[in-house]
């Protein structure tokens, strides 16, 4: 079981980084990170733990002053003083303790001591979302306005040289202090270097997932995916809930644990999986060993013999037994993988036994990545320790409610505070509640701009997650956003690579760059999605009279564009806008480059047809990352990094697409590109070159975009497109009057009366008189609900 063996030599820090006494050991890992150990027997830990896998850092420059009693150490970020061999914690006589750490160059002065309350910590994430309704309970994260945070590793399990996970022996203090001032990005770097980097998920994981707690027969699934295809809705993942396996045996009904396909539902699993793969769909299975290995399993006899168990009783699950795992993986999960199963969903959860959850996740994920043929992938609950290392996290079976939706964006972005990005929630909610088309489409829209898009719902014919079961307008909107999600894979996968390679979270809360926003509850849900997009989720019901959601959002400094309409917004201010069902507040900054796929099949591979959205106003370079998406060969250089360089001038701009590094054969040899210059007028002259050869272009205007198409451009080499003209950028700034005019246009009011209303709202009268004139329209039979609505709209006009 070599797949479970870690390089334990990385657990031992370099000797020059260590300061040691009789009962204490202090390790200076970086300028910002220090480890404090204390053991009354002088025994210290060098093995990897649940949290920490690497302590072999380059030794930073430090200044050490000491005598027989006191120790003082200074780095670029902090200074600490310690009374040697004394316990770190304080006492009544020494309230601050025997250890004090001072942040350098911090205003106001910041001091940390052992058992510091750290009340300015912004929190991170938790184990499960399903038990919360209305209020989020967060665990401690790394982000704090104190500029420091401690992580206690004293109770963590340790990992032996053979991969076994065992409890620590004895009582020890083992605390890591991150003292980073305001350099949170460097804090995350230290954290990932210490605990292990996030994995690069398979590319298919970023597409649309379908899952339902339902006893699907094979032909039902084939018909379902045929219907998705007929409606041109790509779905890359089928995740099968518990009913895929045998659940009813003798008097035992509804078994949770099982490893044999139910042949009444899926007669030939290998043929079924081949059929799904032929459709471009990856297949995941729910597994949960909580009930052990049951006697009805086909390989039970071999398992019982191996485990030396007689009597025909279930073989109990033992989270700490390597022998159990050898049997569990070798006899039950590996054969499923040999059938073609792509990944597993570890559905084990016991909130009172998170260590067993962690061990299961740990072994599952390491086992899934054995060799180069297949990349690790796992869906599981969050074990709280090192959750970023184990694939995608499942937040639990959530309620169908607006309250759940309201909490999800903040929950996702707060997870970045402990380095986690890959949260997966049940889109639409899993159970109970009321099926509501508006709620569902807002879930779908949020899911489109979330780390993982996974539809999952409980059994019951009245749960409507199939898009076509809603009214035609709701269906079309859901379809559009599911298509957009699939098209976003090139962008999301590139951002996923950054997260894996350099530790930049896919989702980052707005307060990372705008700290004051944290105290503004209106904006707490806003987040960055990768380097180019800003999302301000809609989580409130619409105003039924105006048929729009009234939504307030904040845009940071710079110039921003609505991702859908291209409307221009000057930044560093808040806005009120009115969003229809089909709208969603996603913004691209000036110069943003968003690569999209134009392939709407289920397959998530690098596309042959690519569309690149480029927003005006600033020059920018975006480095597109691609590989085969499923194996570990990218670690051996089998990938392609492509630069998309946008050089912007007011009357002349150039796009250069060229391969920077990697190998050929990773992506299609030639590509068809659609370059969509957003919010841009048609130019007088366009010329394109593939390497040094001029190639034809197809240019046209589509709404507010100028589009340049080229066909058959080589992916290894350089494509250059130059556009020249006068007043290229459309300089229209979004105005609230346009939004209100759209509302008037859509209302069921007599057309002539609409002109009167517009004259009042947009005229030069003072606001007070405008209210009076609106109220007078009751004489012209304007309904009270519209009068109240227009008076409310005047409040927003007054704020501008």
Foldseek 3Di string as FASTA:
>chain_A
DCLLFAPLVQLDEDPVQWDDDQFWIKGCQELFKIKIKGHPRSDDDSFAWLFFRGRHHDRADKDWDDDPFKIWIHGPFKIKIAGPNDDQAADPVGNQGRMKMWTPPAPPTAIDGPPDVLVQFPFFFDFFDAVDFQDGDGHGFQDGQSQKDKDWCQFTWGADRSNFTGTDPDGMTIMMMGRGNLPVLVVLLVSCNTGPFFDQAFLLQLAAEEEEQDQAALVNVVVLVVVCVVLLFAHAEYEYAQNQFDADDDPGHRRRAGQHGPCVRVVQLLVSQVVCVVLNHAYEYEHECQAAAALVHPCVVVLCVQVVHDDRGGDHDDLRDPSSVCCCCVVGVVVVVVSPHQAYEHEDDDPVCLVSQSSVLSVRQSVNFPDFPFHGAYEYTQSVHSSSHRHAYENDQHAQDLSSVVCPLLNQQSNVSRLHARYDYAQRGADDDDDDLLSNLLSLQVLLLGRGHYHYYYDDPPDDPPLVVDPPVSSVLSSVSSQSSLFQSQVSSQQSVCCRPSNDHQKHFPCSVVVVCCPVVLASSWIHGGDWKIFRGDSDDCDVQLQWRWHKYAFAAAWKAFPPQRAIDHHPGMAIFTHHSNGGRMITGAFGKGKTAPDSRNNSAAHQEIEIETEHDAWDKDWGKFARSTTNCVVVQAIWIWIWTWDDDQFKIKTKIATDGGDPPGHDQFHKYKYKYGQWDAFDDKWKDQANHTFDWDWDDDNRITIIIGGGRGHHGMMMMMGGHHRTGNPHHDDNLVRVLVSLVPGPDDPVVSVVLNCLLPDDDPLVVSLVVLVVCVVVVDDPVVSVVSNVVSVSVVVD
